[in-house]
Structures are given as C-alpha cells and as structure tokens.
Amino acid sequence: ISQRTREALARKKAEGVVLGRPKGRKTAPEKHKLYPKRELIRGLLAEKVSKRQIAKICKCDRNTLARYIKEVIEKEAC
C-alpha cells in the first residue's frame, strides 16, 4: 500500500498539484472560528469565569477554547 501511495504522490507532484495544508492557515488568528467572540472571551476570562463555562457559552469544545486562548489571546497580551 505504501508503495502505491508514494507513486501516486510522486505522480501528483509531477503534475504540479500542491500537496499538504495551505500555508498560513494555522497562523492567521482572524480565520479561527472563535475570532468573532474574542472580546466576549476576554471579558469572561477577566471575570474569572471557568474555561468550561466559557466554552459552553461560545458553543465550542473546551479544548478548542483552551487552544484558542493559548495561541491567540495570550500572544496578543504579550
């Protein structure tokens, strides 16, 4: 199976197809689904509301919220 996969990827690359995740997708904070709610999240964090409660309010998973806080909000605070 891996032989076939390697051959197919080599063929696609030879055809000029760009493989992999698009550049910049992961680093652009405005592309994140929680970006429109960033002020709400900041306010709730300032009021010491738990991350679990904030995730429930934003209708997202708590791990998604934690990752957003770590990657976007903490970077903006620096």
PDB file of N, CA and C in Angstrom:
ATOM      1  N   ILE A   1       0.832  -1.201   0.000  1.00  0.00           N
ATOM      2  CA  ILE A   1       0.000   0.000   0.000  1.00  0.00           C
ATOM      3  C   ILE A   1       0.869   1.253   0.000  1.00  0.00           C
ATOM      4  N   SER A   2       1.913   1.281   0.822  1.00  0.00           N
ATOM      5  CA  SER A   2       2.758   2.475   0.894  1.00  0.00           C
ATOM      6  C   SER A   2       3.461   2.737  -0.438  1.00  0.00           C
ATOM      7  N   GLN A   3       3.775   1.697  -1.162  1.00  0.00           N
ATOM      8  CA  GLN A   3       4.407   1.844  -2.479  1.00  0.00           C
ATOM      9  C   GLN A   3       3.455   2.569  -3.434  1.00  0.00           C
ATOM     10  N   ARG A   4       2.187   2.138  -3.438  1.00  0.00           N
ATOM     11  CA  ARG A   4       1.184   2.768  -4.307  1.00  0.00           C
ATOM     12  C   ARG A   4       0.973   4.227  -3.917  1.00  0.00           C
ATOM     13  N   THR A   5       0.946   4.484  -2.614  1.00  0.00           N
ATOM     14  CA  THR A   5       0.750   5.850  -2.124  1.00  0.00           C
ATOM     15  C   THR A   5       1.894   6.742  -2.569  1.00  0.00           C
ATOM     16  N   ARG A   6       3.123   6.259  -2.392  1.00  0.00           N
ATOM     17  CA  ARG A   6       4.295   7.036  -2.795  1.00  0.00           C
ATOM     18  C   ARG A   6       4.272   7.338  -4.289  1.00  0.00           C
ATOM     19  N   GLU A   7       3.896   6.331  -5.084  1.00  0.00           N
ATOM     20  CA  GLU A   7       3.833   6.523  -6.535  1.00  0.00           C
ATOM     21  C   GLU A   7       2.769   7.558  -6.905  1.00  0.00           C
ATOM     22  N   ALA A   8       1.611   7.479  -6.253  1.00  0.00           N
ATOM     23  CA  ALA A   8       0.525   8.419  -6.547  1.00  0.00           C
ATOM     24  C   ALA A   8       0.924   9.840  -6.160  1.00  0.00           C
ATOM     25  N   LEU A   9       1.570  10.006  -5.007  1.00  0.00           N
ATOM     26  CA  LEU A   9       2.012  11.330  -4.572  1.00  0.00           C
ATOM     27  C   LEU A   9       3.074  11.889  -5.513  1.00  0.00           C
ATOM     28  N   ALA A  10       3.987  11.032  -5.957  1.00  0.00           N
ATOM     29  CA  ALA A  10       5.026  11.472  -6.891  1.00  0.00           C
ATOM     30  C   ALA A  10       4.396  11.904  -8.216  1.00  0.00           C
ATOM     31  N   ARG A  11       3.383  11.150  -8.667  1.00  0.00           N
ATOM     32  CA  ARG A  11       2.704  11.484  -9.918  1.00  0.00           C
ATOM     33  C   ARG A  11       1.976  12.831  -9.792  1.00  0.00           C
ATOM     34  N   LYS A  12       1.281  13.040  -8.670  1.00  0.00           N
ATOM     35  CA  LYS A  12       0.566  14.307  -8.452  1.00  0.00           C
ATOM     36  C   LYS A  12       1.538  15.485  -8.391  1.00  0.00           C
ATOM     37  N   LYS A  13       2.667  15.269  -7.721  1.00  0.00           N
ATOM     38  CA  LYS A  13       3.667  16.325  -7.605  1.00  0.00           C
ATOM     39  C   LYS A  13       4.229  16.669  -8.987  1.00  0.00           C
ATOM     40  N   ALA A  14       4.445  15.648  -9.817  1.00  0.00           N
ATOM     41  CA  ALA A  14       4.950  15.868 -11.170  1.00  0.00           C
ATOM     42  C   ALA A  14       3.932  16.638 -12.015  1.00  0.00           C
ATOM     43  N   GLU A  15       2.638  16.453 -11.714  1.00  0.00           N
ATOM     44  CA  GLU A  15       1.582  17.172 -12.435  1.00  0.00           C
ATOM     45  C   GLU A  15       1.461  18.620 -11.959  1.00  0.00           C
ATOM     46  N   GLY A  16       2.149  18.941 -10.867  1.00  0.00           N
ATOM     47  CA  GLY A  16       2.123  20.314 -10.369  1.00  0.00           C
ATOM     48  C   GLY A  16       1.078  20.578  -9.300  1.00  0.00           C
ATOM     49  N   VAL A  17       0.481  19.522  -8.760  1.00  0.00           N
ATOM     50  CA  VAL A  17      -0.522  19.684  -7.709  1.00  0.00           C
ATOM     51  C   VAL A  17       0.184  20.016  -6.399  1.00  0.00           C
ATOM     52  N   VAL A  18      -0.318  21.033  -5.687  1.00  0.00           N
ATOM     53  CA  VAL A  18       0.265  21.413  -4.399  1.00  0.00           C
ATOM     54  C   VAL A  18      -0.285  20.471  -3.335  1.00  0.00           C
ATOM     55  N   LEU A  19       0.613  19.827  -2.616  1.00  0.00           N
ATOM     56  CA  LEU A  19       0.211  18.859  -1.598  1.00  0.00           C
ATOM     57  C   LEU A  19       0.321  19.468  -0.206  1.00  0.00           C
ATOM     58  N   GLY A  20      -0.490  18.992   0.717  1.00  0.00           N
ATOM     59  CA  GLY A  20      -0.385  19.406   2.114  1.00  0.00           C
ATOM     60  C   GLY A  20      -1.318  20.543   2.491  1.00  0.00           C
ATOM     61  N   ARG A  21      -1.197  20.976   3.738  1.00  0.00           N
ATOM     62  CA  ARG A  21      -2.028  22.041   4.286  1.00  0.00           C
ATOM     63  C   ARG A  21      -1.614  23.372   3.677  1.00  0.00           C
ATOM     64  N   PRO A  22      -2.572  24.221   3.319  1.00  0.00           N
ATOM     65  CA  PRO A  22      -2.230  25.534   2.764  1.00  0.00           C
ATOM     66  C   PRO A  22      -1.433  26.374   3.757  1.00  0.00           C
ATOM     67  N   LYS A  23      -0.457  27.129   3.264  1.00  0.00           N
ATOM     68  CA  LYS A  23       0.387  27.950   4.128  1.00  0.00           C
ATOM     69  C   LYS A  23      -0.428  29.054   4.783  1.00  0.00           C
ATOM     70  N   GLY A  24      -0.087  29.350   6.035  1.00  0.00           N
ATOM     71  CA  GLY A  24      -0.701  30.460   6.732  1.00  0.00           C
ATOM     72  C   GLY A  24      -2.061  30.174   7.324  1.00  0.00           C
ATOM     73  N   ARG A  25      -2.666  29.068   7.020  1.00  0.00           N
ATOM     74  CA  ARG A  25      -3.995  28.760   7.504  1.00  0.00           C
ATOM     75  C   ARG A  25      -4.012  28.687   9.029  1.00  0.00           C
ATOM     76  N   LYS A  26      -3.004  28.054   9.581  1.00  0.00           N
ATOM     77  CA  LYS A  26      -2.986  27.817  11.015  1.00  0.00           C
ATOM     78  C   LYS A  26      -2.564  29.059  11.803  1.00  0.00           C
ATOM     79  N   THR A  27      -1.857  29.960  11.167  1.00  0.00           N
ATOM     80  CA  THR A  27      -1.304  31.088  11.901  1.00  0.00           C
ATOM     81  C   THR A  27      -2.178  32.338  11.850  1.00  0.00           C
ATOM     82  N   ALA A  28      -3.151  32.387  10.983  1.00  0.00           N
ATOM     83  CA  ALA A  28      -3.981  33.590  10.858  1.00  0.00           C
ATOM     84  C   ALA A  28      -5.095  33.574  11.906  1.00  0.00           C
ATOM     85  N   PRO A  29      -4.991  34.404  12.951  1.00  0.00           N
ATOM     86  CA  PRO A  29      -5.997  34.360  14.017  1.00  0.00           C
ATOM     87  C   PRO A  29      -7.393  34.751  13.548  1.00  0.00           C
ATOM     88  N   GLU A  30      -7.500  35.624  12.553  1.00  0.00           N
ATOM     89  CA  GLU A  30      -8.831  36.033  12.103  1.00  0.00           C
ATOM     90  C   GLU A  30      -9.583  34.933  11.362  1.00  0.00           C
ATOM     91  N   LYS A  31      -8.898  33.851  11.023  1.00  0.00           N
ATOM     92  CA  LYS A  31      -9.551  32.722  10.362  1.00  0.00           C
ATOM     93  C   LYS A  31     -10.144  31.745  11.381  1.00  0.00           C
ATOM     94  N   HIS A  32      -9.800  31.905  12.651  1.00  0.00           N
ATOM     95  CA  HIS A  32     -10.262  30.988  13.688  1.00  0.00           C
ATOM     96  C   HIS A  32     -11.746  31.189  13.943  1.00  0.00           C
ATOM     97  N   LYS A  33     -12.469  30.089  14.229  1.00  0.00           N
ATOM     98  CA  LYS A  33     -13.915  30.214  14.398  1.00  0.00           C
ATOM     99  C   LYS A  33     -14.309  30.993  15.649  1.00  0.00           C
ATOM    100  N   LEU A  34     -13.416  31.129  16.616  1.00  0.00           N
ATOM    101  CA  LEU A  34     -13.724  31.883  17.829  1.00  0.00           C
ATOM    102  C   LEU A  34     -13.312  33.352  17.728  1.00  0.00           C
ATOM    103  N   TYR A  35     -12.702  33.740  16.632  1.00  0.00           N
ATOM    104  CA  TYR A  35     -12.220  35.120  16.480  1.00  0.00           C
ATOM    105  C   TYR A  35     -13.321  36.170  16.672  1.00  0.00           C
ATOM    106  N   PRO A  36     -14.527  35.967  16.111  1.00  0.00           N
ATOM    107  CA  PRO A  36     -15.573  36.980  16.316  1.00  0.00           C
ATOM    108  C   PRO A  36     -16.001  37.129  17.783  1.00  0.00           C
ATOM    109  N   LYS A  37     -15.741  36.112  18.597  1.00  0.00           N
ATOM    110  CA  LYS A  37     -16.151  36.143  20.005  1.00  0.00           C
ATOM    111  C   LYS A  37     -14.998  36.501  20.940  1.00  0.00           C
ATOM    112  N   ARG A  38     -13.902  37.024  20.404  1.00  0.00           N
ATOM    113  CA  ARG A  38     -12.704  37.233  21.218  1.00  0.00           C
ATOM    114  C   ARG A  38     -12.915  38.223  22.359  1.00  0.00           C
ATOM    115  N   GLU A  39     -13.699  39.282  22.119  1.00  0.00           N
ATOM    116  CA  GLU A  39     -13.939  40.268  23.180  1.00  0.00           C
ATOM    117  C   GLU A  39     -14.782  39.660  24.299  1.00  0.00           C
ATOM    118  N   LEU A  40     -15.773  38.851  23.928  1.00  0.00           N
ATOM    119  CA  LEU A  40     -16.592  38.155  24.921  1.00  0.00           C
ATOM    120  C   LEU A  40     -15.722  37.229  25.760  1.00  0.00           C
ATOM    121  N   ILE A  41     -14.851  36.480  25.107  1.00  0.00           N
ATOM    122  CA  ILE A  41     -13.960  35.546  25.807  1.00  0.00           C
ATOM    123  C   ILE A  41     -13.041  36.305  26.749  1.00  0.00           C
ATOM    124  N   ARG A  42     -12.461  37.409  26.270  1.00  0.00           N
ATOM    125  CA  ARG A  42     -11.579  38.222  27.130  1.00  0.00           C
ATOM    126  C   ARG A  42     -12.324  38.727  28.362  1.00  0.00           C
ATOM    127  N   GLY A  43     -13.544  39.207  28.157  1.00  0.00           N
ATOM    128  CA  GLY A  43     -14.340  39.725  29.268  1.00  0.00           C
ATOM    129  C   GLY A  43     -14.660  38.653  30.293  1.00  0.00           C
ATOM    130  N   LEU A  44     -15.034  37.479  29.808  1.00  0.00           N
ATOM    131  CA  LEU A  44     -15.363  36.379  30.720  1.00  0.00           C
ATOM    132  C   LEU A  44     -14.126  35.897  31.469  1.00  0.00           C
ATOM    133  N   LEU A  45     -12.984  35.875  30.789  1.00  0.00           N
ATOM    134  CA  LEU A  45     -11.741  35.488  31.466  1.00  0.00           C
ATOM    135  C   LEU A  45     -11.390  36.502  32.554  1.00  0.00           C
ATOM    136  N   ALA A  46     -11.615  37.779  32.282  1.00  0.00           N
ATOM    137  CA  ALA A  46     -11.332  38.828  33.266  1.00  0.00           C
ATOM    138  C   ALA A  46     -12.244  38.701  34.484  1.00  0.00           C
ATOM    139  N   GLU A  47     -13.464  38.193  34.258  1.00  0.00           N
ATOM    140  CA  GLU A  47     -14.415  37.996  35.356  1.00  0.00           C
ATOM    141  C   GLU A  47     -14.193  36.671  36.079  1.00  0.00           C
ATOM    142  N   LYS A  48     -13.140  35.951  35.712  1.00  0.00           N
ATOM    143  CA  LYS A  48     -12.773  34.672  36.334  1.00  0.00           C
ATOM    144  C   LYS A  48     -13.822  33.572  36.107  1.00  0.00           C
ATOM    145  N   VAL A  49     -14.506  33.622  34.953  1.00  0.00           N
ATOM    146  CA  VAL A  49     -15.431  32.554  34.584  1.00  0.00           C
ATOM    147  C   VAL A  49     -14.587  31.374  34.113  1.00  0.00           C
ATOM    148  N   SER A  50     -15.003  30.145  34.468  1.00  0.00           N
ATOM    149  CA  SER A  50     -14.202  28.974  34.114  1.00  0.00           C
ATOM    150  C   SER A  50     -14.187  28.770  32.598  1.00  0.00           C
ATOM    151  N   LYS A  51     -13.115  28.156  32.125  1.00  0.00           N
ATOM    152  CA  LYS A  51     -12.977  27.902  30.686  1.00  0.00           C
ATOM    153  C   LYS A  51     -14.082  26.972  30.197  1.00  0.00           C
ATOM    154  N   ARG A  52     -14.494  26.055  31.048  1.00  0.00           N
ATOM    155  CA  ARG A  52     -15.566  25.130  30.683  1.00  0.00           C
ATOM    156  C   ARG A  52     -16.872  25.896  30.450  1.00  0.00           C
ATOM    157  N   GLN A  53     -17.166  26.857  31.329  1.00  0.00           N
ATOM    158  CA  GLN A  53     -18.372  27.674  31.190  1.00  0.00           C
ATOM    159  C   GLN A  53     -18.288  28.562  29.945  1.00  0.00           C
ATOM    160  N   ILE A  54     -17.113  29.134  29.697  1.00  0.00           N
ATOM    161  CA  ILE A  54     -16.931  29.981  28.512  1.00  0.00           C
ATOM    162  C   ILE A  54     -17.146  29.149  27.246  1.00  0.00           C
ATOM    163  N   ALA A  55     -16.618  27.928  27.234  1.00  0.00           N
ATOM    164  CA  ALA A  55     -16.785  27.048  26.074  1.00  0.00           C
ATOM    165  C   ALA A  55     -18.264  26.752  25.840  1.00  0.00           C
ATOM    166  N   LYS A  56     -18.999  26.551  26.917  1.00  0.00           N
ATOM    167  CA  LYS A  56     -20.429  26.289  26.797  1.00  0.00           C
ATOM    168  C   LYS A  56     -21.149  27.513  26.224  1.00  0.00           C
ATOM    169  N   ILE A  57     -20.779  28.703  26.689  1.00  0.00           N
ATOM    170  CA  ILE A  57     -21.378  29.951  26.197  1.00  0.00           C
ATOM    171  C   ILE A  57     -21.071  30.142  24.708  1.00  0.00           C
ATOM    172  N   CYS A  58     -19.831  29.836  24.310  1.00  0.00           N
ATOM    173  CA  CYS A  58     -19.403  30.015  22.914  1.00  0.00           C
ATOM    174  C   CYS A  58     -19.806  28.854  22.015  1.00  0.00           C
ATOM    175  N   LYS A  59     -20.409  27.824  22.603  1.00  0.00           N
ATOM    176  CA  LYS A  59     -20.843  26.632  21.866  1.00  0.00           C
ATOM    177  C   LYS A  59     -19.690  25.970  21.119  1.00  0.00           C
ATOM    178  N   CYS A  60     -18.592  25.738  21.862  1.00  0.00           N
ATOM    179  CA  CYS A  60     -17.456  25.023  21.288  1.00  0.00           C
ATOM    180  C   CYS A  60     -16.905  24.075  22.354  1.00  0.00           C
ATOM    181  N   ASP A  61     -16.012  23.208  21.953  1.00  0.00           N
ATOM    182  CA  ASP A  61     -15.403  22.277  22.889  1.00  0.00           C
ATOM    183  C   ASP A  61     -14.410  23.023  23.779  1.00  0.00           C
ATOM    184  N   ARG A  62     -14.259  22.567  25.011  1.00  0.00           N
ATOM    185  CA  ARG A  62     -13.358  23.251  25.949  1.00  0.00           C
ATOM    186  C   ARG A  62     -11.910  23.194  25.486  1.00  0.00           C
ATOM    187  N   ASN A  63     -11.543  22.128  24.787  1.00  0.00           N
ATOM    188  CA  ASN A  63     -10.175  22.026  24.268  1.00  0.00           C
ATOM    189  C   ASN A  63      -9.936  23.028  23.134  1.00  0.00           C
ATOM    190  N   THR A  64     -10.959  23.257  22.309  1.00  0.00           N
ATOM    191  CA  THR A  64     -10.860  24.262  21.245  1.00  0.00           C
ATOM    192  C   THR A  64     -10.655  25.634  21.856  1.00  0.00           C
ATOM    193  N   LEU A  65     -11.422  25.929  22.905  1.00  0.00           N
ATOM    194  CA  LEU A  65     -11.291  27.218  23.589  1.00  0.00           C
ATOM    195  C   LEU A  65      -9.908  27.360  24.212  1.00  0.00           C
ATOM    196  N   ALA A  66      -9.445  26.313  24.882  1.00  0.00           N
ATOM    197  CA  ALA A  66      -8.127  26.366  25.532  1.00  0.00           C
ATOM    198  C   ALA A  66      -7.030  26.610  24.501  1.00  0.00           C
ATOM    199  N   ARG A  67      -7.126  25.956  23.351  1.00  0.00           N
ATOM    200  CA  ARG A  67      -6.137  26.138  22.285  1.00  0.00           C
ATOM    201  C   ARG A  67      -6.206  27.568  21.746  1.00  0.00           C
ATOM    202  N   TYR A  68      -7.414  28.105  21.570  1.00  0.00           N
ATOM    203  CA  TYR A  68      -7.578  29.475  21.077  1.00  0.00           C
ATOM    204  C   TYR A  68      -6.972  30.474  22.057  1.00  0.00           C
ATOM    205  N   ILE A  69      -7.233  30.283  23.347  1.00  0.00           N
ATOM    206  CA  ILE A  69      -6.683  31.182  24.365  1.00  0.00           C
ATOM    207  C   ILE A  69      -5.163  31.133  24.336  1.00  0.00           C
ATOM    208  N   LYS A  70      -4.626  29.938  24.249  1.00  0.00           N
ATOM    209  CA  LYS A  70      -3.171  29.772  24.260  1.00  0.00           C
ATOM    210  C   LYS A  70      -2.527  30.380  23.012  1.00  0.00           C
ATOM    211  N   GLU A  71      -3.108  30.121  21.846  1.00  0.00           N
ATOM    212  CA  GLU A  71      -2.493  30.539  20.587  1.00  0.00           C
ATOM    213  C   GLU A  71      -2.756  31.996  20.232  1.00  0.00           C
ATOM    214  N   VAL A  72      -3.913  32.528  20.562  1.00  0.00           N
ATOM    215  CA  VAL A  72      -4.280  33.864  20.086  1.00  0.00           C
ATOM    216  C   VAL A  72      -4.292  34.895  21.202  1.00  0.00           C
ATOM    217  N   ILE A  73      -5.060  34.654  22.229  1.00  0.00           N
ATOM    218  CA  ILE A  73      -5.241  35.674  23.265  1.00  0.00           C
ATOM    219  C   ILE A  73      -3.961  35.914  24.052  1.00  0.00           C
ATOM    220  N   GLU A  74      -3.254  34.852  24.419  1.00  0.00           N
ATOM    221  CA  GLU A  74      -2.009  35.038  25.172  1.00  0.00           C
ATOM    222  C   GLU A  74      -0.936  35.707  24.322  1.00  0.00           C
ATOM    223  N   LYS A  75      -0.927  35.446  23.006  1.00  0.00           N
ATOM    224  CA  LYS A  75       0.048  36.097  22.119  1.00  0.00           C
ATOM    225  C   LYS A  75      -0.259  37.581  21.985  1.00  0.00           C
ATOM    226  N   GLU A  76      -1.556  37.931  21.940  1.00  0.00           N
ATOM    227  CA  GLU A  76      -1.939  39.340  21.825  1.00  0.00           C
ATOM    228  C   GLU A  76      -1.612  40.099  23.105  1.00  0.00           C
ATOM    229  N   ALA A  77      -1.648  39.407  24.240  1.00  0.00           N
ATOM    230  CA  ALA A  77      -1.378  40.052  25.529  1.00  0.00           C
ATOM    231  C   ALA A  77       0.108  40.392  25.683  1.00  0.00           C
ATOM    232  N   CYS A  78       0.957  39.654  24.999  1.00  0.00           N
ATOM    233  CA  CYS A  78       2.411  39.886  25.115  1.00  0.00           C
ATOM    234  C   CYS A  78       2.862  41.144  24.423  1.00  0.00           C
TER     235      CYS A  78
END
